[in-house]
Every structure is written in structure tokens, then in C-alpha cells.
């Protein structure tokens, strides 16, 4: 075997990280994980290059982040070692080796849950068919154990309005109002779910799913819904702002700490190449 592509599923507490992507002089999830893999596989520092499914910002958490990288046949054997068992057991055995290096280096706020072989056509970024996030917020007292994972809202929240305006934003549309658009990029996305549930303690938890998200989109969407649900803007105004396709100061982008990447889903192996090609194509305006 010349090379093997590996798929990693991982989670992290984003509180002490400057986001996923490596940045000179800053602690990031990518930097920690790549260094651990280099150490484990006895590669020269800086050899491993991870491709990630969702580039989270500073302070954003993850339970279902996905990344991939390639290893040689010899490295794959080293990663597997003498482990035996079901594929699920082997996936965790490989992950445990990476976690051991991470934790010995003091990186206890990131952990890999599974490492599995993947086809060469698998691409963690371009192969995804949807990404699902969760956002937690609350008005009033927040349990100190949740202070790094729940955003505090100063005004009382009308949950009915929160649910209503969020649902009205779903569908295939241009989300420029809620994005920091890159030069030459499009903000057309298919937002399939934006719904809330209210926990017994009053915490409101959003479930937000789309084929892809542009920069700051989830936190801006939540910020717009919260502005309507707390009376800062009229509910109808949020839809009007969305149709303008311009960034607005009428609502705020919510803090990073309430956001968590929960899941990235992929098609069957035989459809991976076609999905990656489709994703790379520029989206038409709507």
C-alpha cells in the first residue's frame, strides 16, 4: 500500500483556541493536532497537513469536527499497532494513540474520537453534504459550569417569535446579510434547518443545518433572530433585512462561546468524487 487516506472525527473546547486554522504564534486546534500526528508518526515537524470540514473561529467549540490526511503504508501500520477487534474498536484504538500524544503535551481540550480509513476521493471539506451547528443562549442566570458554552442575553426572550423568525430564514437564498463575504465568493447557501428547543432551565438551543456556511453566518443568523425575539427589531424587519442582502447594524453577531459544530455528513463512497466536484463549482445567484 503506497498511501492511505485517514478520516478523523474530533471534538474540542474552543475556549483557549484561536480557532481551527493555524496562525503564527497562536494556539489553534490545527497546530496542536498536526504536531501530535507528526510526533506519533515520527515525522519531521510541520509535515502533516490536515484538511478540515469546518474552519471554526476563535472560541467556537466542536463535537463532530472532521478532518483528513494521508499516511504511508508503514505509518498506517504503526498507527494501528497490535490493536484488534471490530472496526469501531480499531477506529478508537487509532484515535487513542493521537490523544495520548495530545494529552502528554497538555492539550486536554481537544480529543479524537475515531480514525478510519477512507477512499482517496474523500475530502473533509468539499465532500460534505451538510454541516450542523448548535447555539446555546439564555436570559438571566447561567450555571457557572455552562459559562463557556452559553451566551447570555440581556433582555427577556419571546420564544414564539424566536422560533417563528428563524424558520422564515430557511431555504436556498443569498445570505449576504448574515455573512462576511470573501472577495469573489458567493453567499448562496441552502439553510435546511433553523429551529429551537427550550430547556427546563430556560436555555434556548438552536439547531442550524445547511449544505455549507460562510464566515460568521451562524452567529449572525442567531443574532438576527435574537434581535427580533427581544424586541430590538420588528419580526418582519428581519425578513426585510435578509432580502436587502447587505450587512446591517440592526442586529449583532452573537458571541463565539455559544456555538458548537455538532456534525458533518458525507455521501456514500461512490458519490464522494461527484460531490467534491459539485461543491467546488461556483454557486449561481438566486
Protein backbone atom coordinates (compact mmCIF):
# COMPACT_ATOMS: atom_id res chain seq x y z
CA UNK A 1 0.00 0.00 0.00
CA UNK A 2 1.59 3.28 -1.12
CA UNK A 3 -0.65 5.63 0.82
CA UNK A 4 -3.87 5.61 2.81
CA UNK A 5 -6.26 8.48 3.42
CA UNK A 6 -7.50 8.70 7.01
CA UNK A 7 -10.65 10.37 8.28
CA UNK A 8 -10.57 11.87 11.78
CA UNK A 9 -13.60 12.77 13.87
CA UNK A 10 -12.75 15.03 16.79
CA UNK A 11 -14.08 17.42 19.37
CA UNK A 12 -12.66 20.35 21.30
CA UNK A 13 -13.43 23.03 23.83
CA UNK A 14 -12.68 26.15 21.80
CA UNK A 15 -12.29 28.48 24.80
CA UNK A 16 -8.47 28.59 24.76
CA UNK A 17 -8.03 28.21 20.99
CA UNK A 18 -7.67 30.94 18.38
CA UNK A 19 -9.90 28.91 16.10
CA UNK A 20 -9.16 25.88 13.95
CA UNK A 21 -6.71 27.24 11.38
CA UNK A 22 -3.03 27.54 12.22
CA UNK A 23 -1.75 31.09 12.74
CA UNK A 24 1.82 32.16 13.53
CA UNK A 25 2.40 32.46 17.26
CA UNK A 26 -1.15 31.49 18.22
CA UNK A 27 -2.56 28.30 19.69
CA UNK A 28 -5.02 26.64 17.30
CA UNK A 29 -6.64 23.23 17.02
CA UNK A 30 -4.92 22.52 13.71
CA UNK A 31 -1.48 23.35 15.14
CA UNK A 32 -1.93 21.08 18.17
CA UNK A 33 -3.31 18.16 16.19
CA UNK A 34 -0.77 18.29 13.36
CA UNK A 35 2.08 18.44 15.87
CA UNK A 36 0.69 15.40 17.72
CA UNK A 37 0.43 13.38 14.50
CA UNK A 38 3.97 14.36 13.49
CA UNK A 39 5.23 13.20 16.88
CA UNK A 40 3.29 9.94 16.82
CA UNK A 41 4.39 9.00 13.29
CA UNK A 42 7.94 10.33 13.85
CA UNK A 43 7.59 12.80 11.02
CA UNK A 44 9.66 15.99 10.80
CA UNK A 45 7.81 18.88 12.45
CA UNK A 46 5.45 20.57 10.03
CA UNK A 47 4.97 17.52 7.78
CA UNK A 48 1.30 16.75 8.47
CA UNK A 49 -1.27 18.94 6.73
CA UNK A 50 -4.87 18.42 7.79
CA UNK A 51 -7.85 19.28 5.58
CA UNK A 52 -10.84 20.19 7.76
CA UNK A 53 -14.59 20.06 7.24
CA UNK A 54 -15.43 23.26 9.13
CA UNK A 55 -13.00 26.08 9.93
CA UNK A 56 -14.30 27.21 13.32
CA UNK A 57 -13.49 30.68 14.68
CA UNK A 58 -11.77 31.57 17.94
CA UNK A 59 -13.80 30.39 20.93
CA UNK A 60 -16.12 28.10 18.92
CA UNK A 61 -16.45 24.51 20.14
CA UNK A 62 -16.90 21.23 18.28
CA UNK A 63 -18.19 17.74 18.95
CA UNK A 64 -18.33 16.49 15.36
CA UNK A 65 -15.44 18.14 13.52
CA UNK A 66 -13.98 16.09 10.64
CA UNK A 67 -10.53 16.23 9.03
CA UNK A 68 -8.40 14.07 6.74
CA UNK A 69 -4.75 13.44 5.97
CA UNK A 70 -2.67 10.81 4.16
CA UNK A 71 -0.20 8.30 5.56
CA UNK A 72 2.21 5.79 4.05
CA UNK A 73 1.57 2.08 4.42
CA UNK A 74 4.27 1.88 7.09
CA UNK A 75 2.77 4.78 9.02
CA UNK A 76 -0.68 3.23 8.82
CA UNK A 77 0.65 0.00 10.32
CA UNK A 78 2.33 2.00 13.09
CA UNK A 79 -0.89 3.82 13.86
CA UNK A 80 -2.80 0.55 14.06
CA UNK A 81 -0.15 -1.26 16.12
CA UNK A 82 -1.27 -4.54 17.65
CA UNK A 83 -4.88 -3.48 18.14
CA UNK A 84 -7.59 -5.98 17.22
CA UNK A 85 -11.36 -6.01 17.29
CA UNK A 86 -14.30 -4.54 15.42
CA UNK A 87 -13.85 -1.58 13.08
CA UNK A 88 -15.31 0.70 15.74
CA UNK A 89 -12.79 -0.59 18.29
CA UNK A 90 -9.93 -0.14 15.82
CA UNK A 91 -11.11 3.38 15.00
CA UNK A 92 -10.93 4.31 18.65
CA UNK A 93 -7.62 2.50 19.18
CA UNK A 94 -6.05 4.67 16.48
CA UNK A 95 -7.64 7.77 17.98
CA UNK A 96 -6.37 6.87 21.45
CA UNK A 97 -2.77 6.94 20.21
CA UNK A 98 -3.16 10.50 18.91
CA UNK A 99 -4.95 11.53 22.10
CA UNK A 100 -2.09 10.16 24.20
CA UNK A 101 0.36 12.47 22.46
CA UNK A 102 -2.04 15.43 22.71
CA UNK A 103 -2.60 14.94 26.40
CA UNK A 104 1.08 14.44 27.21
CA UNK A 105 1.65 17.80 25.52
CA UNK A 106 -1.01 19.37 27.78
CA UNK A 107 -3.71 19.65 25.10
CA UNK A 108 -6.53 18.18 27.17
CA UNK A 109 -9.14 20.38 25.47
CA UNK A 110 -9.04 18.50 22.16
CA UNK A 111 -9.57 14.79 21.51
CA UNK A 112 -10.04 12.50 18.51
CA UNK A 113 -12.96 10.06 18.79
CA UNK A 114 -12.30 7.95 15.68
CA UNK A 115 -9.69 7.42 12.96
CA UNK A 116 -10.92 5.39 9.99
CA UNK A 117 -9.52 4.57 6.53
CA UNK A 118 -11.24 6.49 3.75
CA UNK A 119 -11.17 6.38 -0.06
CA UNK A 120 -8.74 8.73 -1.81
CA UNK A 121 -11.82 10.56 -3.14
CA UNK A 122 -12.82 11.54 0.40
CA UNK A 123 -12.39 15.26 1.07
CA UNK A 124 -13.35 16.51 4.51
CA UNK A 125 -14.07 19.99 3.19
CA UNK A 126 -15.51 19.63 -0.29
CA UNK A 127 -17.17 16.24 0.16
CA UNK A 128 -19.62 17.30 2.87
CA UNK A 129 -23.35 17.31 2.11
CA UNK A 130 -24.35 19.20 5.25
CA UNK A 131 -22.99 20.72 8.44
CA UNK A 132 -24.99 21.03 11.65
CA UNK A 133 -24.34 23.52 14.43
CA UNK A 134 -25.86 24.13 17.85
CA UNK A 135 -26.12 27.51 19.56
CA UNK A 136 -26.97 27.91 23.25
CA UNK A 137 -28.19 31.14 24.82
CA UNK A 138 -30.11 32.25 27.88
CA UNK A 139 -31.59 35.32 29.52
CA UNK A 140 -30.64 35.74 33.17
CA UNK A 141 -28.63 33.46 35.42
CA UNK A 142 -26.25 30.99 33.78
CA UNK A 143 -24.92 27.95 35.59
CA UNK A 144 -21.18 28.57 36.16
CA UNK A 145 -20.47 25.14 34.66
CA UNK A 146 -22.04 26.37 31.41
CA UNK A 147 -20.43 29.82 31.34
CA UNK A 148 -18.05 28.93 28.49
CA UNK A 149 -20.77 27.30 26.38
CA UNK A 150 -23.85 29.50 26.75
CA UNK A 151 -24.24 33.12 25.60
CA UNK A 152 -26.09 35.47 27.93
CA UNK A 153 -28.89 37.63 26.53
CA UNK A 154 -29.70 40.80 28.48
CA UNK A 155 -33.37 41.13 27.52
CA UNK A 156 -36.20 38.58 28.02
CA UNK A 157 -36.68 36.29 25.02
CA UNK A 158 -40.03 35.70 23.33
CA UNK A 159 -39.55 32.05 22.40
CA UNK A 160 -42.50 32.02 19.98
CA UNK A 161 -41.00 34.89 17.99
CA UNK A 162 -37.56 33.29 18.15
CA UNK A 163 -38.91 30.11 16.57
CA UNK A 164 -41.03 31.96 14.01
CA UNK A 165 -38.39 34.29 12.56
CA UNK A 166 -35.76 31.55 12.48
CA UNK A 167 -37.97 29.27 10.42
CA UNK A 168 -38.68 32.08 7.95
CA UNK A 169 -34.96 32.32 7.11
CA UNK A 170 -34.62 28.75 5.84
CA UNK A 171 -34.32 27.77 2.19
CA UNK A 172 -31.97 28.34 -0.71
CA UNK A 173 -31.09 32.03 -0.75
CA UNK A 174 -28.33 34.63 -0.77
CA UNK A 175 -27.20 35.11 2.85
CA UNK A 176 -25.03 38.18 2.28
CA UNK A 177 -26.90 39.96 5.12
CA UNK A 178 -25.52 37.35 7.52
CA UNK A 179 -22.02 36.79 6.07
CA UNK A 180 -18.60 38.35 5.91
CA UNK A 181 -18.25 37.60 2.22
CA UNK A 182 -14.84 36.91 0.70
CA UNK A 183 -13.77 38.68 -2.48
CA UNK A 184 -15.19 36.82 -5.47
CA UNK A 185 -17.14 34.35 -3.31
CA UNK A 186 -20.89 33.80 -3.22
CA UNK A 187 -23.14 33.78 -0.14
CA UNK A 188 -25.75 31.47 -1.69
CA UNK A 189 -26.46 28.63 0.74
CA UNK A 190 -29.25 26.14 1.40
CA UNK A 191 -30.31 26.53 5.03
CA UNK A 192 -32.45 23.46 5.72
CA UNK A 193 -33.00 23.77 9.49
CA UNK A 194 -33.08 26.72 11.88
CA UNK A 195 -35.18 25.70 14.86
CA UNK A 196 -35.09 26.00 18.63
CA UNK A 197 -35.87 23.98 21.72
CA UNK A 198 -36.22 25.40 25.23
CA UNK A 199 -34.68 23.50 28.14
CA UNK A 200 -36.17 23.28 31.62
CA UNK A 201 -33.80 25.95 32.96
CA UNK A 202 -34.77 28.43 30.22
CA UNK A 203 -31.75 27.86 27.99
CA UNK A 204 -32.65 28.17 24.30
CA UNK A 205 -30.81 25.80 21.99
CA UNK A 206 -30.75 26.32 18.22
CA UNK A 207 -30.30 23.54 15.68
CA UNK A 208 -28.90 25.03 12.47
CA UNK A 209 -28.13 22.93 9.40
CA UNK A 210 -27.07 23.83 5.86
CA UNK A 211 -25.06 22.43 2.99
CA UNK A 212 -22.34 24.95 3.93
CA UNK A 213 -21.89 28.20 5.85
CA UNK A 214 -19.95 31.35 5.08
CA UNK A 215 -17.87 33.24 7.63
CA UNK A 216 -19.82 34.30 10.77
CA UNK A 217 -23.10 33.17 9.20
CA UNK A 218 -24.39 31.04 12.09
CA UNK A 219 -23.70 33.65 14.76
CA UNK A 220 -25.21 36.39 12.59
CA UNK A 221 -28.35 34.34 11.94
CA UNK A 222 -28.76 33.78 15.68
CA UNK A 223 -28.09 37.46 16.31
CA UNK A 224 -30.85 38.47 13.92
CA UNK A 225 -33.33 36.05 15.48
CA UNK A 226 -32.45 37.22 18.99
CA UNK A 227 -32.89 40.88 17.97
CA UNK A 228 -36.44 40.10 16.86
CA UNK A 229 -37.23 37.91 19.87
CA UNK A 230 -36.04 40.53 22.37
CA UNK A 231 -37.85 43.46 20.73
CA UNK A 232 -34.83 45.26 19.32
CA UNK A 233 -36.31 44.97 15.81
CA UNK A 234 -39.75 44.03 14.49
CA UNK A 235 -40.04 40.37 13.43
CA UNK A 236 -40.98 41.47 9.90
CA UNK A 237 -37.89 43.67 9.75
CA UNK A 238 -35.56 40.67 9.92
CA UNK A 239 -37.03 39.28 6.71
CA UNK A 240 -36.72 42.71 5.12
CA UNK A 241 -33.06 42.93 6.11
CA UNK A 242 -32.43 39.45 4.73
CA UNK A 243 -33.89 40.48 1.37
CA UNK A 244 -31.63 43.56 1.19
CA UNK A 245 -28.53 41.33 1.04
CA UNK A 246 -26.42 43.90 2.86
CA UNK A 247 -24.66 43.71 6.22
CA UNK A 248 -26.66 45.55 8.87
CA UNK A 249 -26.04 47.17 12.24
CA UNK A 250 -29.63 46.46 13.29
CA UNK A 251 -28.54 43.21 14.96
CA UNK A 252 -25.30 41.92 16.46
CA UNK A 253 -23.23 38.85 15.65
CA UNK A 254 -23.54 36.61 18.72
CA UNK A 255 -20.50 35.62 20.84
CA UNK A 256 -18.49 32.58 19.79
CA UNK A 257 -18.79 30.73 23.09
CA UNK A 258 -22.40 29.63 22.49
CA UNK A 259 -21.59 27.89 19.22
CA UNK A 260 -20.64 24.25 18.64
CA UNK A 261 -20.09 22.29 15.43
CA UNK A 262 -22.08 19.10 16.03
CA UNK A 263 -21.97 17.11 12.81
CA UNK A 264 -20.60 16.99 9.27
CA UNK A 265 -22.25 14.43 6.96
CA UNK A 266 -20.92 12.86 3.76
CA UNK A 267 -22.47 10.87 0.89
CA UNK A 268 -21.78 7.18 0.18
CA UNK A 269 -18.23 6.46 -1.02
CA UNK A 270 -19.27 6.04 -4.65
CA UNK A 271 -20.65 9.61 -4.67
CA UNK A 272 -17.67 11.34 -2.99
CA UNK A 273 -15.86 12.44 -6.16
CA UNK A 274 -19.00 13.88 -7.74
CA UNK A 275 -19.94 15.70 -4.54
CA UNK A 276 -16.49 17.30 -4.24
CA UNK A 277 -16.66 18.45 -7.85
CA UNK A 278 -20.13 19.91 -7.33
CA UNK A 279 -19.08 21.77 -4.17
CA UNK A 280 -16.05 23.33 -5.84
CA UNK A 281 -18.24 24.80 -8.60
CA UNK A 282 -19.30 28.41 -8.04
CA UNK A 283 -22.93 28.73 -6.97
CA UNK A 284 -25.31 30.64 -9.18
CA UNK A 285 -27.00 33.77 -7.80
CA UNK A 286 -30.59 33.40 -6.56
